[in-house]
Amino acid sequence: MNKTKERIEYWLDIAKYDLDTAKAMLESKRYLYLGFMCHQVVEKSVKAYYWYVNNSEPPYIHNLLTLSKISGLVNLLDEGKKELINELIPLNIQARYPEDKLALLKSLNYNKSRSLLKRTKEFYEWIEKLLTK
């Protein structure tokens, strides 16, 4: 197996692990961490795509929009995927700081979290399909 294929599989595997973790967070009603894990799934999926296109390690950044732009993935995103990315961006950083947690917790309920998880799973499956063409 070549290095690019190994790295793509690596990023997809850990994205899948994070997706399973996000499901567990929904079941345990830990919505803040579900949001963080959904961000991680999309970030790692985009990094797999970056490998697919560039045959090199993606930069150590976490901004989903920037990663989508530098990988060229942004050109393939429909409005729903762009909306998901915009929703997830603040869930990565703000979930880590106490002053932001309360506001985020108020905005994340079961239905919104379930929707986030569903759309994140669809995003992951879409990327996975792109990379197996």
Protein backbone atom coordinates (compact mmCIF):
# COMPACT_ATOMS: atom_id res chain seq x y z
CA MET A 1 0.00 0.00 0.00
CA ASN A 2 1.38 3.42 -0.88
CA LYS A 3 1.78 6.24 1.62
CA THR A 4 -1.09 8.33 0.24
CA LYS A 5 -3.54 5.45 0.47
CA GLU A 6 -2.34 4.68 4.01
CA ARG A 7 -2.82 8.28 5.12
CA ILE A 8 -6.28 8.52 3.55
CA GLU A 9 -7.30 5.35 5.37
CA TYR A 10 -5.80 6.68 8.59
CA TRP A 11 -7.82 9.91 8.44
CA LEU A 12 -11.03 8.10 7.47
CA ASP A 13 -10.57 5.52 10.24
CA ILE A 14 -10.17 8.10 12.97
CA ALA A 15 -13.05 10.14 11.52
CA LYS A 16 -15.23 7.00 11.76
CA TYR A 17 -14.10 6.46 15.36
CA ASP A 18 -15.08 10.06 16.15
CA LEU A 19 -18.44 9.53 14.43
CA ASP A 20 -19.09 6.54 16.69
CA THR A 21 -18.08 8.69 19.67
CA ALA A 22 -20.51 11.40 18.57
CA LYS A 23 -23.29 8.78 18.50
CA ALA A 24 -22.41 7.82 22.07
CA MET A 25 -22.55 11.49 23.07
CA LEU A 26 -26.07 11.77 21.65
CA GLU A 27 -27.17 8.69 23.57
CA SER A 28 -25.70 10.07 26.80
CA LYS A 29 -27.13 13.57 26.09
CA ARG A 30 -23.67 15.18 26.11
CA TYR A 31 -24.56 17.57 23.31
CA LEU A 32 -21.60 19.91 23.66
CA TYR A 33 -19.19 17.05 23.09
CA LEU A 34 -21.33 15.70 20.27
CA GLY A 35 -20.82 19.03 18.50
CA PHE A 36 -17.08 18.89 19.11
CA MET A 37 -16.89 15.31 17.81
CA CYS A 38 -18.92 16.20 14.71
CA HIS A 39 -16.38 18.94 14.02
CA GLN A 40 -13.62 16.36 14.39
CA VAL A 41 -15.33 13.99 11.94
CA VAL A 42 -15.62 16.66 9.27
CA GLU A 43 -12.08 17.96 9.90
CA LYS A 44 -10.54 14.51 9.57
CA SER A 45 -12.65 13.70 6.52
CA VAL A 46 -11.46 16.88 4.83
CA LYS A 47 -7.87 16.02 5.75
CA ALA A 48 -8.34 12.63 4.07
CA TYR A 49 -9.54 14.49 0.98
CA TYR A 50 -6.52 16.79 1.21
CA TRP A 51 -4.27 13.71 1.02
CA TYR A 52 -6.27 12.41 -1.93
CA VAL A 53 -5.74 15.64 -3.89
CA ASN A 54 -2.27 16.73 -2.73
CA ASN A 55 -0.45 13.53 -1.76
CA SER A 56 0.91 15.34 1.28
CA GLU A 57 0.19 16.03 4.92
CA PRO A 58 -2.48 18.68 5.47
CA PRO A 59 -1.47 21.70 7.53
CA TYR A 60 -2.02 21.60 11.29
CA ILE A 61 -5.10 23.79 11.26
CA HIS A 62 -8.62 23.14 12.42
CA ASN A 63 -10.68 25.70 10.52
CA LEU A 64 -13.02 23.65 8.35
CA LEU A 65 -13.56 26.40 5.81
CA THR A 66 -9.83 27.00 5.35
CA LEU A 67 -9.18 23.26 5.03
CA SER A 68 -11.98 22.97 2.47
CA LYS A 69 -10.54 25.85 0.46
CA ILE A 70 -6.91 24.69 0.41
CA SER A 71 -7.92 21.15 -0.52
CA GLY A 72 -10.23 22.34 -3.29
CA LEU A 73 -13.15 20.58 -1.63
CA VAL A 74 -15.03 23.86 -1.27
CA ASN A 75 -15.81 23.69 -5.00
CA LEU A 76 -17.70 20.42 -4.47
CA LEU A 77 -19.75 21.49 -1.45
CA ASP A 78 -23.46 22.02 -1.86
CA GLU A 79 -25.30 24.54 0.32
CA GLY A 80 -26.18 21.94 2.95
CA LYS A 81 -22.54 20.92 3.41
CA LYS A 82 -21.46 24.57 3.59
CA GLU A 83 -24.11 25.19 6.26
CA LEU A 84 -22.89 22.19 8.25
CA ILE A 85 -19.31 23.47 8.13
CA ASN A 86 -20.41 26.93 9.29
CA GLU A 87 -22.38 25.39 12.17
CA LEU A 88 -19.47 23.21 13.25
CA ILE A 89 -16.69 25.81 13.17
CA PRO A 90 -17.55 27.41 16.53
CA LEU A 91 -18.09 24.02 18.17
CA ASN A 92 -14.39 23.20 17.92
CA ILE A 93 -12.89 26.13 19.78
CA GLN A 94 -15.69 27.59 21.84
CA ALA A 95 -16.56 24.24 23.38
CA ARG A 96 -13.20 24.35 25.13
CA TYR A 97 -13.69 27.63 27.00
CA PRO A 98 -15.94 27.91 30.07
CA GLU A 99 -17.44 31.30 29.14
CA ASP A 100 -18.68 29.90 25.83
CA LYS A 101 -19.94 26.54 27.09
CA LEU A 102 -23.14 27.86 28.63
CA ALA A 103 -24.23 29.63 25.44
CA LEU A 104 -23.41 26.57 23.36
CA LEU A 105 -25.23 24.24 25.73
CA LYS A 106 -28.34 26.40 25.44
CA SER A 107 -28.21 26.16 21.66
CA LEU A 108 -27.72 22.37 21.52
CA ASN A 109 -30.73 20.24 22.36
CA TYR A 110 -31.55 16.66 21.40
CA ASN A 111 -33.20 17.47 18.06
CA LYS A 112 -30.50 19.90 16.92
CA SER A 113 -27.77 17.46 18.04
CA ARG A 114 -29.45 14.55 16.28
CA SER A 115 -29.63 16.64 13.10
CA LEU A 116 -25.96 17.62 13.42
CA LEU A 117 -25.00 13.98 13.82
CA LYS A 118 -27.10 12.88 10.84
CA ARG A 119 -25.64 15.55 8.56
CA THR A 120 -22.11 14.83 9.80
CA LYS A 121 -22.58 11.13 9.02
CA GLU A 122 -23.80 12.05 5.53
CA PHE A 123 -20.76 14.30 5.05
CA TYR A 124 -18.42 11.51 6.12
CA GLU A 125 -20.11 9.02 3.78
CA TRP A 126 -19.96 11.53 0.92
CA ILE A 127 -16.20 12.05 1.41
CA GLU A 128 -15.65 8.30 1.74
CA LYS A 129 -17.46 7.78 -1.57
CA LEU A 130 -15.41 10.53 -3.27
CA LEU A 131 -12.20 8.86 -2.14
CA THR A 132 -13.11 5.39 -3.36
CA LYS A 133 -13.88 6.38 -6.95
